[in-house]
Amino acid sequence: MKKNRIKGENIGLCFLLPSLTGVCLFVLLPFLDVLRRSLSSSVSEEWAGFQNYWSILHNSAFRLACWNTLRFVGVCIPSLLAISLLLAVFLQHLGRPGGILKTAFLFPMAIPVASVALVWRVLFENSGLWNSLLCRLGAVPEDWMNSPAAFWVLCGSYLWKNLGYDIVLWMAGLSGIPTQIYEAAQVDGAGEWKIFCKITFPSLLPSLYTISVLSFLNSFKVFREAYLVAGDYPNESMYLLQHLFNNWFRDLSFDKLSAGAVLVAAVILGLILLLQRIWNWEE
């Protein structure tokens, strides 16, 4: 019995070995090199200690990018989770028509990034459709992408792009809830809101952690749209860490770039571990 168990474990390791090798070669080793570069000078590669970290923490551009990124995540993630959950519950109640509408919500994921950037320009430039509509209503037009409103345009783009993905994940969790529980609750006279609070949402808690982490990671992928629309130096309200890292890479400031990457990786890992700890505590 013990030999069979050991043999099964060895077979499992053989299946995992190719993936583990790829992770070590293309993720762990490059990250260790980034960590080494963050502790050395970019030109002479001499040992610099924590000087690079001290330098970026006192860099005004880094602090601005951190604040905008945190604000973006703090606004978009709760909004995306709440809106996608409500829409998923609504579509689940519709039955077969809800499945058709679910496909419609997935269309933004199939649209190329360049097309999304073109839509931004058509809508929000000085001579765009939105300003044309405001002029007809007697309002004063505004250069939206060069004003603080650019941040909210970026948030709207993220929600529009990722809403369908989260809806599908929520609906997968909803499909695992037995219908007998809902029928018993309705027989007992429970209303829709009480059913949602006492049955639906508690049953979806196992899905909440996964969807939160995936949405959080996807929030770092909005740089492409913002870069294609506004370039290297957009309005301060939408100047994110991705813009800063791209500019440091172009300037060959690999010491600051590496130090910033290590700090961001540490923060992301800490937030994910915090979410996992909260989830385990609730269980």
Protein backbone atom coordinates (compact mmCIF):
# COMPACT_ATOMS: atom_id res chain seq x y z
CA MET A 1 0.00 0.00 0.00
CA LYS A 2 2.80 2.36 0.93
CA LYS A 3 4.72 1.51 -2.24
CA ASN A 4 1.65 2.25 -4.38
CA ARG A 5 1.23 5.62 -2.68
CA ILE A 6 4.89 6.53 -3.26
CA LYS A 7 4.61 5.42 -6.87
CA GLY A 8 1.50 7.59 -7.33
CA GLU A 9 3.29 10.60 -5.86
CA ASN A 10 6.23 10.08 -8.21
CA ILE A 11 3.90 9.92 -11.21
CA GLY A 12 2.25 13.15 -10.06
CA LEU A 13 5.64 14.86 -9.79
CA CYS A 14 6.47 13.75 -13.32
CA PHE A 15 3.34 15.48 -14.60
CA LEU A 16 4.18 18.66 -12.66
CA LEU A 17 7.85 18.74 -13.60
CA PRO A 18 7.48 20.41 -17.05
CA SER A 19 5.34 23.21 -15.62
CA LEU A 20 7.62 23.69 -12.60
CA THR A 21 10.64 23.84 -14.92
CA GLY A 22 8.97 26.51 -17.04
CA VAL A 23 8.04 28.56 -13.97
CA CYS A 24 11.59 28.39 -12.64
CA LEU A 25 13.18 29.32 -15.97
CA PHE A 26 10.81 32.06 -17.08
CA VAL A 27 9.49 33.48 -13.78
CA LEU A 28 11.62 32.74 -10.72
CA LEU A 29 15.08 33.15 -12.26
CA PRO A 30 14.22 36.43 -14.05
CA PHE A 31 12.69 37.77 -10.84
CA LEU A 32 15.86 36.91 -8.93
CA ASP A 33 17.82 38.84 -11.55
CA VAL A 34 15.45 41.80 -11.08
CA LEU A 35 16.03 41.60 -7.34
CA ARG A 36 19.80 41.66 -7.94
CA ARG A 37 19.50 44.67 -10.24
CA SER A 38 17.40 46.52 -7.66
CA LEU A 39 20.35 46.36 -5.26
CA SER A 40 22.98 47.52 -7.73
CA SER A 41 23.76 50.47 -9.98
CA SER A 42 22.30 50.41 -13.50
CA VAL A 43 25.55 51.51 -15.20
CA SER A 44 28.43 49.93 -13.31
CA GLU A 45 26.31 47.27 -11.56
CA GLU A 46 28.14 48.03 -8.34
CA TRP A 47 26.46 47.18 -5.04
CA ALA A 48 24.10 50.01 -4.07
CA GLY A 49 22.18 48.42 -1.22
CA PHE A 50 18.79 49.96 -0.62
CA GLN A 51 19.70 53.26 -2.26
CA ASN A 52 17.48 52.55 -5.27
CA TYR A 53 14.50 51.88 -3.02
CA TRP A 54 15.17 55.07 -1.07
CA SER A 55 15.40 56.99 -4.34
CA ILE A 56 12.08 55.84 -5.79
CA LEU A 57 10.22 56.28 -2.49
CA HIS A 58 11.24 59.95 -2.60
CA ASN A 59 10.37 60.25 -6.29
CA SER A 60 7.28 62.41 -6.82
CA ALA A 61 6.36 60.60 -10.05
CA PHE A 62 6.47 57.24 -8.25
CA ARG A 63 4.27 58.50 -5.43
CA LEU A 64 1.78 59.96 -7.92
CA ALA A 65 1.65 56.71 -9.90
CA CYS A 66 1.19 54.66 -6.70
CA TRP A 67 -1.65 56.88 -5.52
CA ASN A 68 -3.44 56.77 -8.89
CA THR A 69 -3.02 53.00 -9.12
CA LEU A 70 -4.36 52.45 -5.59
CA ARG A 71 -7.27 54.80 -6.27
CA PHE A 72 -8.03 53.00 -9.52
CA VAL A 73 -8.01 49.59 -7.82
CA GLY A 74 -10.04 50.89 -4.86
CA VAL A 75 -12.75 52.29 -7.15
CA CYS A 76 -12.88 49.64 -9.86
CA ILE A 77 -12.60 46.34 -8.00
CA PRO A 78 -15.55 46.81 -5.59
CA SER A 79 -17.65 48.34 -8.39
CA LEU A 80 -16.86 45.49 -10.78
CA LEU A 81 -17.59 42.80 -8.20
CA ALA A 82 -20.91 44.35 -7.15
CA ILE A 83 -22.21 45.17 -10.64
CA SER A 84 -21.17 41.83 -12.14
CA LEU A 85 -22.76 39.91 -9.24
CA LEU A 86 -26.08 41.74 -9.57
CA LEU A 87 -26.12 41.23 -13.34
CA ALA A 88 -25.20 37.56 -12.95
CA VAL A 89 -28.10 36.98 -10.53
CA PHE A 90 -30.44 38.81 -12.89
CA LEU A 91 -29.32 36.82 -15.93
CA GLN A 92 -29.58 33.56 -13.96
CA HIS A 93 -33.21 34.36 -13.18
CA LEU A 94 -33.95 34.98 -16.87
CA GLY A 95 -33.02 31.42 -17.80
CA ARG A 96 -32.24 30.81 -21.50
CA PRO A 97 -32.54 34.48 -22.56
CA GLY A 98 -30.00 35.26 -19.84
CA GLY A 99 -27.50 32.96 -21.53
CA ILE A 100 -27.85 34.94 -24.77
CA LEU A 101 -27.35 38.25 -22.95
CA LYS A 102 -24.32 36.78 -21.18
CA THR A 103 -22.70 36.30 -24.58
CA ALA A 104 -23.33 39.96 -25.36
CA PHE A 105 -21.46 41.02 -22.22
CA LEU A 106 -18.45 39.00 -23.41
CA PHE A 107 -18.11 40.93 -26.68
CA PRO A 108 -15.82 43.65 -25.21
CA MET A 109 -13.20 41.00 -24.43
CA ALA A 110 -12.98 40.15 -28.15
CA ILE A 111 -12.44 43.76 -29.25
CA PRO A 112 -8.78 44.60 -30.00
CA VAL A 113 -7.10 47.16 -27.76
CA ALA A 114 -6.39 49.47 -30.70
CA SER A 115 -10.10 49.57 -31.51
CA VAL A 116 -10.94 50.46 -27.91
CA ALA A 117 -8.43 53.33 -28.02
CA LEU A 118 -10.00 54.55 -31.27
CA VAL A 119 -13.44 54.55 -29.62
CA TRP A 120 -12.01 56.62 -26.77
CA ARG A 121 -10.75 59.22 -29.23
CA VAL A 122 -13.99 59.33 -31.17
CA LEU A 123 -15.98 59.86 -27.99
CA PHE A 124 -13.84 62.07 -25.76
CA GLU A 125 -11.56 64.23 -27.92
CA ASN A 126 -12.21 67.97 -28.34
CA SER A 127 -14.22 67.36 -31.51
CA GLY A 128 -15.60 64.02 -30.33
CA LEU A 129 -19.18 62.84 -30.14
CA TRP A 130 -19.57 63.62 -26.44
CA ASN A 131 -18.51 67.26 -26.89
CA SER A 132 -20.76 67.56 -29.94
CA LEU A 133 -23.70 66.41 -27.82
CA LEU A 134 -22.80 68.89 -25.07
CA CYS A 135 -22.63 71.74 -27.59
CA ARG A 136 -26.11 70.92 -28.83
CA LEU A 137 -27.36 70.99 -25.24
CA GLY A 138 -25.76 74.38 -24.68
CA ALA A 139 -22.96 73.13 -22.40
CA VAL A 140 -19.29 74.03 -22.66
CA PRO A 141 -17.15 71.32 -24.35
CA GLU A 142 -14.08 70.02 -22.52
CA ASP A 143 -10.92 68.13 -23.42
CA TRP A 144 -11.85 65.09 -21.36
CA MET A 145 -8.61 63.16 -21.82
CA ASN A 146 -6.56 66.12 -20.56
CA SER A 147 -8.63 66.76 -17.45
CA PRO A 148 -9.29 64.93 -14.16
CA ALA A 149 -12.24 63.27 -15.90
CA ALA A 150 -9.69 61.06 -17.71
CA PHE A 151 -9.46 58.90 -14.57
CA TRP A 152 -13.17 58.11 -14.71
CA VAL A 153 -12.96 57.36 -18.42
CA LEU A 154 -10.24 54.84 -17.58
CA CYS A 155 -12.41 53.30 -14.83
CA GLY A 156 -15.36 53.05 -17.19
CA SER A 157 -13.20 51.33 -19.80
CA TYR A 158 -11.98 48.77 -17.26
CA LEU A 159 -15.51 47.99 -16.07
CA TRP A 160 -16.81 47.70 -19.62
CA LYS A 161 -13.95 45.41 -20.65
CA ASN A 162 -14.04 43.03 -17.66
CA LEU A 163 -17.73 42.95 -16.75
CA GLY A 164 -18.57 39.95 -18.94
CA TYR A 165 -15.65 37.90 -17.62
CA ASP A 166 -16.76 38.33 -14.01
CA ILE A 167 -20.39 37.67 -14.91
CA VAL A 168 -19.41 34.30 -16.35
CA LEU A 169 -17.47 33.43 -13.18
CA TRP A 170 -20.37 34.45 -10.93
CA MET A 171 -22.85 32.47 -13.04
CA ALA A 172 -20.64 29.41 -12.76
CA GLY A 173 -20.90 29.73 -8.99
CA LEU A 174 -24.66 30.30 -9.17
CA SER A 175 -25.17 27.18 -11.25
CA GLY A 176 -23.69 25.12 -8.40
CA ILE A 177 -26.39 26.18 -5.90
CA PRO A 178 -29.13 23.49 -5.68
CA THR A 179 -32.54 24.76 -6.83
CA GLN A 180 -34.18 22.80 -4.00
CA ILE A 181 -32.82 25.32 -1.50
CA TYR A 182 -34.51 28.18 -3.35
CA GLU A 183 -37.76 26.26 -3.61
CA ALA A 184 -37.75 25.50 0.13
CA ALA A 185 -37.06 29.16 0.94
CA GLN A 186 -39.91 30.32 -1.29
CA VAL A 187 -42.27 27.83 0.35
CA ASP A 188 -41.28 29.29 3.74
CA GLY A 189 -42.23 32.75 2.45
CA ALA A 190 -38.76 34.24 1.99
CA GLY A 191 -38.54 37.22 -0.37
CA GLU A 192 -36.01 37.80 -3.14
CA TRP A 193 -33.75 40.02 -1.04
CA LYS A 194 -33.75 37.62 1.91
CA ILE A 195 -32.99 34.70 -0.41
CA PHE A 196 -30.06 36.62 -1.86
CA CYS A 197 -28.66 37.57 1.57
CA LYS A 198 -29.20 34.23 3.29
CA ILE A 199 -28.68 31.72 0.46
CA THR A 200 -27.18 33.14 -2.73
CA PHE A 201 -24.39 35.33 -1.38
CA PRO A 202 -23.17 32.89 1.33
CA SER A 203 -23.11 30.11 -1.27
CA LEU A 204 -20.98 32.30 -3.55
CA LEU A 205 -18.30 33.04 -0.96
CA PRO A 206 -16.02 30.26 -2.31
CA SER A 207 -16.10 32.07 -5.69
CA LEU A 208 -15.55 35.52 -4.18
CA TYR A 209 -11.86 35.01 -3.40
CA THR A 210 -11.02 33.71 -6.88
CA ILE A 211 -12.97 36.43 -8.69
CA SER A 212 -11.47 39.15 -6.49
CA VAL A 213 -7.90 38.01 -7.17
CA LEU A 214 -8.49 37.68 -10.93
CA SER A 215 -10.15 41.10 -11.10
CA PHE A 216 -7.28 42.60 -9.12
CA LEU A 217 -4.70 41.15 -11.49
CA ASN A 218 -6.69 42.28 -14.54
CA SER A 219 -6.69 45.83 -13.19
CA PHE A 220 -2.98 46.03 -14.09
CA LYS A 221 -3.77 45.45 -17.77
CA VAL A 222 -5.42 48.79 -18.56
CA PHE A 223 -2.11 50.43 -19.50
CA ARG A 224 -2.40 49.60 -23.20
CA GLU A 225 -5.61 51.55 -23.76
CA ALA A 226 -4.38 54.56 -21.80
CA TYR A 227 -1.02 54.50 -23.57
CA LEU A 228 -2.54 54.36 -27.07
CA VAL A 229 -4.86 57.26 -26.29
CA ALA A 230 -2.65 59.62 -24.26
CA GLY A 231 0.93 58.45 -24.86
CA ASP A 232 3.81 58.34 -22.36
CA TYR A 233 2.65 61.26 -20.23
CA PRO A 234 -1.14 61.35 -19.90
CA ASN A 235 -3.10 63.57 -17.55
CA GLU A 236 -1.91 63.27 -13.95
CA SER A 237 -5.20 61.67 -12.89
CA MET A 238 -4.52 58.56 -15.03
CA TYR A 239 -0.72 58.38 -14.71
CA LEU A 240 -0.34 54.81 -13.43
CA LEU A 241 2.61 52.66 -12.39
CA GLN A 242 2.64 51.08 -15.84
CA HIS A 243 3.30 54.51 -17.41
CA LEU A 244 6.13 55.16 -14.97
CA PHE A 245 7.76 51.77 -15.55
CA ASN A 246 7.49 52.20 -19.30
CA ASN A 247 9.22 55.58 -19.10
CA TRP A 248 11.97 54.21 -16.86
CA PHE A 249 12.52 51.34 -19.30
CA ARG A 250 12.80 53.78 -22.21
CA ASP A 251 15.34 55.83 -20.23
CA LEU A 252 17.30 52.64 -19.34
CA SER A 253 16.84 53.32 -15.61
CA PHE A 254 16.93 49.63 -14.81
CA ASP A 255 17.93 50.21 -11.19
CA LYS A 256 14.82 52.25 -10.39
CA LEU A 257 12.68 50.02 -12.60
CA SER A 258 13.84 46.89 -10.78
CA ALA A 259 13.36 48.42 -7.33
CA GLY A 260 9.85 49.57 -8.24
CA ALA A 261 8.98 46.15 -9.67
CA VAL A 262 10.11 44.40 -6.48
CA LEU A 263 8.05 46.77 -4.32
CA VAL A 264 4.95 46.31 -6.48
CA ALA A 265 5.38 42.53 -6.46
CA ALA A 266 5.69 42.58 -2.66
CA VAL A 267 2.53 44.70 -2.31
CA ILE A 268 0.54 42.49 -4.68
CA LEU A 269 1.68 39.34 -2.87
CA GLY A 270 0.80 40.92 0.48
CA LEU A 271 -2.70 41.89 -0.69
CA ILE A 272 -3.36 38.41 -2.07
CA LEU A 273 -2.17 36.78 1.16
CA LEU A 274 -4.36 39.21 3.12
CA LEU A 275 -7.40 38.26 1.05
CA GLN A 276 -6.60 34.59 1.59
CA ARG A 277 -6.22 35.12 5.33
CA ILE A 278 -9.56 36.97 5.51
CA TRP A 279 -11.20 34.18 3.55
CA ASN A 280 -9.74 31.46 5.78
CA TRP A 281 -10.78 33.43 8.88
CA GLU A 282 -14.37 33.69 7.60
CA GLU A 283 -14.43 29.96 7.01
